[in-house]
Amino acid sequence: NSDCKAANEKVSGASRSFDVTCTKPAMYQAHVVVTVEGPDKFTMSQDFATEHGGKKRSGKMAIAYRRIGECK
């Protein structure tokens, strides 16, 4: 039951960035950057701000993905 929308998509080389905005179930705004470094490796980072129950929070998150082998 969310109303999240993505906008302002930009592509530069191997990187793609976009903004995410939601108002329900709570306010959430983020600027996301995804960089593909090869078929088995990518990074994603985001700066975000939220508000829920009158409490505002902001932060940064980063994820680095690297495939290390076949699933067993």
C-alpha atoms as a PDB file:
ATOM      1  CA  ASN A   1       0.000   0.000   0.000  1.00  0.00           C
ATOM      2  CA  SER A   2       2.797   2.431  -0.788  1.00  0.00           C
ATOM      3  CA  ASP A   3       2.827   5.264  -3.282  1.00  0.00           C
ATOM      4  CA  CYS A   4       6.579   5.330  -4.000  1.00  0.00           C
ATOM      5  CA  LYS A   5       7.682   6.902  -7.253  1.00  0.00           C
ATOM      6  CA  ALA A   6      11.068   7.130  -8.977  1.00  0.00           C
ATOM      7  CA  ALA A   7      12.104  10.241 -10.923  1.00  0.00           C
ATOM      8  CA  ASN A   8      15.082  12.182 -12.271  1.00  0.00           C
ATOM      9  CA  GLU A   9      16.836   9.135 -13.701  1.00  0.00           C
ATOM     10  CA  LYS A  10      20.299   9.859 -15.093  1.00  0.00           C
ATOM     11  CA  VAL A  11      22.828   7.526 -16.717  1.00  0.00           C
ATOM     12  CA  SER A  12      26.540   8.276 -16.838  1.00  0.00           C
ATOM     13  CA  GLY A  13      28.842   5.502 -18.007  1.00  0.00           C
ATOM     14  CA  ALA A  14      28.262   2.473 -15.792  1.00  0.00           C
ATOM     15  CA  SER A  15      26.290   4.471 -13.184  1.00  0.00           C
ATOM     16  CA  ARG A  16      22.580   5.144 -12.960  1.00  0.00           C
ATOM     17  CA  SER A  17      21.059   7.524 -10.423  1.00  0.00           C
ATOM     18  CA  PHE A  18      17.470   8.350  -9.504  1.00  0.00           C
ATOM     19  CA  ASP A  19      15.340   9.825  -6.733  1.00  0.00           C
ATOM     20  CA  VAL A  20      12.669   7.913  -4.805  1.00  0.00           C
ATOM     21  CA  THR A  21       9.800   9.664  -3.019  1.00  0.00           C
ATOM     22  CA  CYS A  22       7.046   8.063  -0.898  1.00  0.00           C
ATOM     23  CA  THR A  23       4.350   9.588   1.286  1.00  0.00           C
ATOM     24  CA  LYS A  24       2.672   6.402   2.529  1.00  0.00           C
ATOM     25  CA  PRO A  25       2.798   4.423   4.612  1.00  0.00           C
ATOM     26  CA  ALA A  26       5.429   6.995   5.763  1.00  0.00           C
ATOM     27  CA  MET A  27       7.463   9.794   4.200  1.00  0.00           C
ATOM     28  CA  TYR A  28      10.647   8.535   2.540  1.00  0.00           C
ATOM     29  CA  GLN A  29      12.967  10.359   0.152  1.00  0.00           C
ATOM     30  CA  ALA A  30      16.219   9.036  -1.263  1.00  0.00           C
ATOM     31  CA  HIS A  31      18.820   9.706  -3.913  1.00  0.00           C
ATOM     32  CA  VAL A  32      20.102   6.342  -5.191  1.00  0.00           C
ATOM     33  CA  VAL A  33      23.222   5.602  -7.262  1.00  0.00           C
ATOM     34  CA  VAL A  34      23.857   2.144  -8.755  1.00  0.00           C
ATOM     35  CA  THR A  35      27.183   1.388 -10.466  1.00  0.00           C
ATOM     36  CA  VAL A  36      27.700  -1.851 -12.402  1.00  0.00           C
ATOM     37  CA  GLU A  37      31.349  -2.849 -12.343  1.00  0.00           C
ATOM     38  CA  GLY A  38      30.947  -6.086 -14.312  1.00  0.00           C
ATOM     39  CA  PRO A  39      28.581  -9.017 -14.738  1.00  0.00           C
ATOM     40  CA  ASP A  40      29.248 -10.205 -11.176  1.00  0.00           C
ATOM     41  CA  LYS A  41      29.796  -6.959  -9.287  1.00  0.00           C
ATOM     42  CA  PHE A  42      27.838  -3.784  -8.512  1.00  0.00           C
ATOM     43  CA  THR A  43      27.553  -1.138  -5.820  1.00  0.00           C
ATOM     44  CA  MET A  44      24.525   0.814  -4.628  1.00  0.00           C
ATOM     45  CA  SER A  45      24.440   3.823  -2.340  1.00  0.00           C
ATOM     46  CA  GLN A  46      21.664   6.046  -1.137  1.00  0.00           C
ATOM     47  CA  ASP A  47      21.218   9.169   0.951  1.00  0.00           C
ATOM     48  CA  PHE A  48      17.789   9.074   2.558  1.00  0.00           C
ATOM     49  CA  ALA A  49      15.386  10.943   4.834  1.00  0.00           C
ATOM     50  CA  THR A  50      12.317   9.504   6.559  1.00  0.00           C
ATOM     51  CA  GLU A  51       9.560  10.699   8.830  1.00  0.00           C
ATOM     52  CA  HIS A  52       7.316   8.331  10.755  1.00  0.00           C
ATOM     53  CA  GLY A  53       5.218   9.116  13.794  1.00  0.00           C
ATOM     54  CA  GLY A  54       6.545  12.676  13.846  1.00  0.00           C
ATOM     55  CA  LYS A  55      10.167  11.517  14.075  1.00  0.00           C
ATOM     56  CA  LYS A  56      12.566  12.559  11.337  1.00  0.00           C
ATOM     57  CA  ARG A  57      15.646  10.539  10.488  1.00  0.00           C
ATOM     58  CA  SER A  58      18.253  10.684   7.777  1.00  0.00           C
ATOM     59  CA  GLY A  59      21.218   8.602   6.820  1.00  0.00           C
ATOM     60  CA  LYS A  60      23.331   6.905   4.202  1.00  0.00           C
ATOM     61  CA  MET A  61      23.439   3.295   3.122  1.00  0.00           C
ATOM     62  CA  ALA A  62      25.842   1.464   0.835  1.00  0.00           C
ATOM     63  CA  ILE A  63      25.825  -2.078  -0.534  1.00  0.00           C
ATOM     64  CA  ALA A  64      28.602  -3.834  -2.435  1.00  0.00           C
ATOM     65  CA  TYR A  65      27.610  -7.007  -4.303  1.00  0.00           C
ATOM     66  CA  ARG A  66      30.153  -9.472  -5.655  1.00  0.00           C
ATOM     67  CA  ARG A  67      29.293 -12.938  -6.887  1.00  0.00           C
ATOM     68  CA  ILE A  68      31.752 -15.396  -5.393  1.00  0.00           C
ATOM     69  CA  GLY A  69      30.670 -18.653  -7.022  1.00  0.00           C
ATOM     70  CA  GLU A  70      27.933 -21.090  -7.879  1.00  0.00           C
ATOM     71  CA  CYS A  71      25.162 -21.752  -5.357  1.00  0.00           C
ATOM     72  CA  LYS A  72      25.356 -25.157  -3.737  1.00  0.00           C
END
